[in-house]
Amino acid sequence: MSLEESNITVGGLQFKGVYIALLLTIVSTIGGTIWTASALYGRLESVEAIQVPDITPLTKRLVLIEQELTANDVSELQGKLAALGVNLETIIEQQQKLLTVQEKVTDLDKQVAEIQSTVLKAEIIAGQAQQAVAKIDRLQTEVNDLWSGLDYLSDPYQN
């Protein structure tokens, strides 16, 4: 038994199987369309239910930001940054020179400390030399006195 040969009788009317299959296809298509339309309508209602915030304050704020940027003259910032860069380079060069001067001052401080140490040693040596000269002078005086004494002893009458 094929679909073309089958018949259904409903309320005295006879329907062939092919018509029934065709009717079921049409009914299911219409049902699917209605179901899809219903789902689409539900989504549209949910989208319409979403409240879109008022963007007027944002627009006003954007206008204020644009005015501030114009007032601050952002276009000249590049030139100012370049000038600051040159100033920074100059400062770095001066700092390098100062570091060199500081190294020289440190070296000079060391040299001054060495010179002070040398001067102190020289003062000590000079003091010792003066003491030695005084001793030598005293010894010379004693030697001269001894020679005078020997001369007197050799010629007591001084002829």
Protein backbone atom coordinates (compact mmCIF):
# COMPACT_ATOMS: atom_id res chain seq x y z
CA MET A 1 0.00 0.00 0.00
CA SER A 2 1.46 3.29 -1.09
CA LEU A 3 0.67 6.82 -0.09
CA GLU A 4 -1.11 7.44 -3.38
CA GLU A 5 -3.45 4.51 -2.92
CA SER A 6 -4.42 5.10 0.70
CA ASN A 7 -7.65 6.92 1.51
CA ILE A 8 -9.10 8.33 4.71
CA THR A 9 -12.77 8.99 5.18
CA VAL A 10 -13.69 11.77 7.59
CA GLY A 11 -17.32 12.80 8.00
CA GLY A 12 -18.29 11.23 4.70
CA LEU A 13 -15.48 12.84 2.77
CA GLN A 14 -12.69 10.81 1.35
CA PHE A 15 -9.16 12.11 1.32
CA LYS A 16 -6.30 10.55 -0.59
CA GLY A 17 -3.03 9.93 1.23
CA VAL A 18 -1.11 12.33 -0.99
CA TYR A 19 -3.47 15.17 -0.08
CA ILE A 20 -3.16 14.32 3.56
CA ALA A 21 0.67 14.40 3.33
CA LEU A 22 0.47 17.69 1.47
CA LEU A 23 -1.97 19.08 4.06
CA LEU A 24 0.30 17.99 6.94
CA THR A 25 3.27 19.68 5.25
CA ILE A 26 1.35 22.93 4.76
CA VAL A 27 -0.02 22.87 8.33
CA SER A 28 3.42 22.21 9.85
CA THR A 29 4.93 24.99 7.73
CA ILE A 30 2.22 27.42 8.83
CA GLY A 31 2.68 26.30 12.46
CA GLY A 32 6.47 26.78 12.23
CA THR A 33 5.97 30.21 10.68
CA ILE A 34 3.58 31.21 13.44
CA TRP A 35 5.98 29.91 16.11
CA THR A 36 8.95 31.79 14.52
CA ALA A 37 6.88 34.98 14.22
CA SER A 38 5.89 34.65 17.88
CA ALA A 39 9.54 34.20 18.96
CA LEU A 40 10.60 37.17 16.82
CA TYR A 41 7.81 39.30 18.27
CA GLY A 42 8.89 38.33 21.80
CA ARG A 43 12.45 39.38 21.05
CA LEU A 44 11.30 42.66 19.56
CA GLU A 45 9.24 43.37 22.67
CA SER A 46 12.28 42.64 24.88
CA VAL A 47 14.45 44.96 22.77
CA GLU A 48 11.80 47.69 22.95
CA ALA A 49 11.59 47.22 26.72
CA ILE A 50 15.27 48.16 27.09
CA GLN A 51 15.60 51.76 28.18
CA VAL A 52 18.21 53.68 26.19
CA PRO A 53 19.92 56.16 28.49
CA ASP A 54 19.85 59.84 27.70
CA ILE A 55 23.13 60.83 26.06
CA THR A 56 22.59 64.58 26.34
CA PRO A 57 24.93 64.90 29.37
CA LEU A 58 27.61 62.97 27.49
CA THR A 59 27.24 65.27 24.51
CA LYS A 60 27.57 68.31 26.76
CA ARG A 61 30.63 66.80 28.41
CA LEU A 62 32.24 66.12 25.03
CA VAL A 63 31.67 69.75 24.06
CA LEU A 64 33.29 70.87 27.34
CA ILE A 65 36.29 68.58 26.76
CA GLU A 66 36.73 69.96 23.24
CA GLN A 67 36.58 73.50 24.62
CA GLU A 68 39.20 72.67 27.27
CA LEU A 69 41.49 71.13 24.67
CA THR A 70 41.12 74.22 22.52
CA ALA A 71 41.71 76.50 25.51
CA ASN A 72 44.81 74.57 26.57
CA ASP A 73 46.13 74.83 23.03
CA VAL A 74 47.16 71.20 22.70
CA SER A 75 48.65 71.90 19.28
CA GLU A 76 51.49 73.91 20.84
CA LEU A 77 52.36 71.14 23.30
CA GLN A 78 54.72 69.56 20.78
CA GLY A 79 56.77 72.75 20.60
CA LYS A 80 56.76 73.08 24.38
CA LEU A 81 57.85 69.45 24.75
CA ALA A 82 60.71 70.04 22.31
CA ALA A 83 61.83 73.10 24.32
CA LEU A 84 61.64 71.08 27.53
CA GLY A 85 63.72 68.35 25.90
CA VAL A 86 66.42 70.88 24.96
CA ASN A 87 66.35 72.29 28.49
CA LEU A 88 66.68 68.80 29.91
CA GLU A 89 69.69 68.09 27.70
CA THR A 90 71.29 71.35 28.86
CA ILE A 91 70.67 70.43 32.48
CA ILE A 92 72.22 67.00 31.92
CA GLU A 93 75.32 68.58 30.34
CA GLN A 94 75.66 71.04 33.23
CA GLN A 95 75.25 68.20 35.70
CA GLN A 96 78.06 66.29 33.96
CA LYS A 97 80.27 69.37 34.27
CA LEU A 98 79.37 69.69 37.94
CA LEU A 99 80.22 66.04 38.52
CA THR A 100 83.60 66.64 36.86
CA VAL A 101 84.17 69.70 39.06
CA GLN A 102 83.14 67.68 42.12
CA GLU A 103 85.68 64.98 41.22
CA LYS A 104 88.37 67.66 40.84
CA VAL A 105 87.42 69.19 44.21
CA THR A 106 87.62 65.75 45.81
CA ASP A 107 91.07 65.22 44.29
CA LEU A 108 92.16 68.67 45.48
CA ASP A 109 90.87 67.88 48.98
CA LYS A 110 93.02 64.77 48.99
CA GLN A 111 96.01 66.76 47.79
CA VAL A 112 95.43 69.43 50.46
CA ALA A 113 95.26 66.71 53.11
CA GLU A 114 98.55 65.27 51.80
CA ILE A 115 100.16 68.74 51.77
CA GLN A 116 98.95 69.38 55.33
CA SER A 117 100.47 66.08 56.39
CA THR A 118 103.72 67.00 54.62
CA VAL A 119 103.76 70.46 56.25
CA LEU A 120 103.20 68.89 59.67
CA LYS A 121 106.07 66.51 59.07
CA ALA A 122 108.23 69.41 57.85
CA GLU A 123 107.41 71.41 60.99
CA ILE A 124 108.39 68.44 63.15
CA ILE A 125 111.62 68.01 61.18
CA ALA A 126 112.30 71.77 61.37
CA GLY A 127 111.82 71.67 65.14
CA GLN A 128 114.18 68.71 65.39
CA ALA A 129 116.65 70.51 63.12
CA GLN A 130 116.58 73.59 65.37
CA GLN A 131 117.23 71.37 68.37
CA ALA A 132 120.11 69.73 66.47
CA VAL A 133 121.52 73.15 65.50
CA ALA A 134 121.31 74.27 69.11
CA LYS A 135 123.14 71.10 70.22
CA ILE A 136 125.72 71.56 67.48
CA ASP A 137 126.21 75.20 68.53
CA ARG A 138 126.64 74.10 72.15
CA LEU A 139 129.06 71.36 71.06
CA GLN A 140 130.94 73.88 68.92
CA THR A 141 131.15 76.18 71.91
CA GLU A 142 132.43 73.30 74.02
CA VAL A 143 134.96 72.32 71.35
CA ASN A 144 136.13 75.93 71.08
CA ASP A 145 136.38 76.10 74.86
CA LEU A 146 138.38 72.85 74.87
CA TRP A 147 140.72 74.23 72.19
CA SER A 148 141.09 77.39 74.15
CA GLY A 149 141.87 75.30 77.23
CA LEU A 150 144.41 73.23 75.29
CA ASP A 151 145.96 76.37 73.89
CA TYR A 152 146.24 77.78 77.41
CA LEU A 153 147.71 74.53 78.70
CA SER A 154 150.23 74.42 75.91
CA ASP A 155 151.34 77.96 76.55
CA PRO A 156 150.34 78.90 80.07
CA TYR A 157 152.19 82.22 79.88
CA GLN A 158 150.89 83.14 76.59
CA ASN A 159 154.04 84.18 74.97
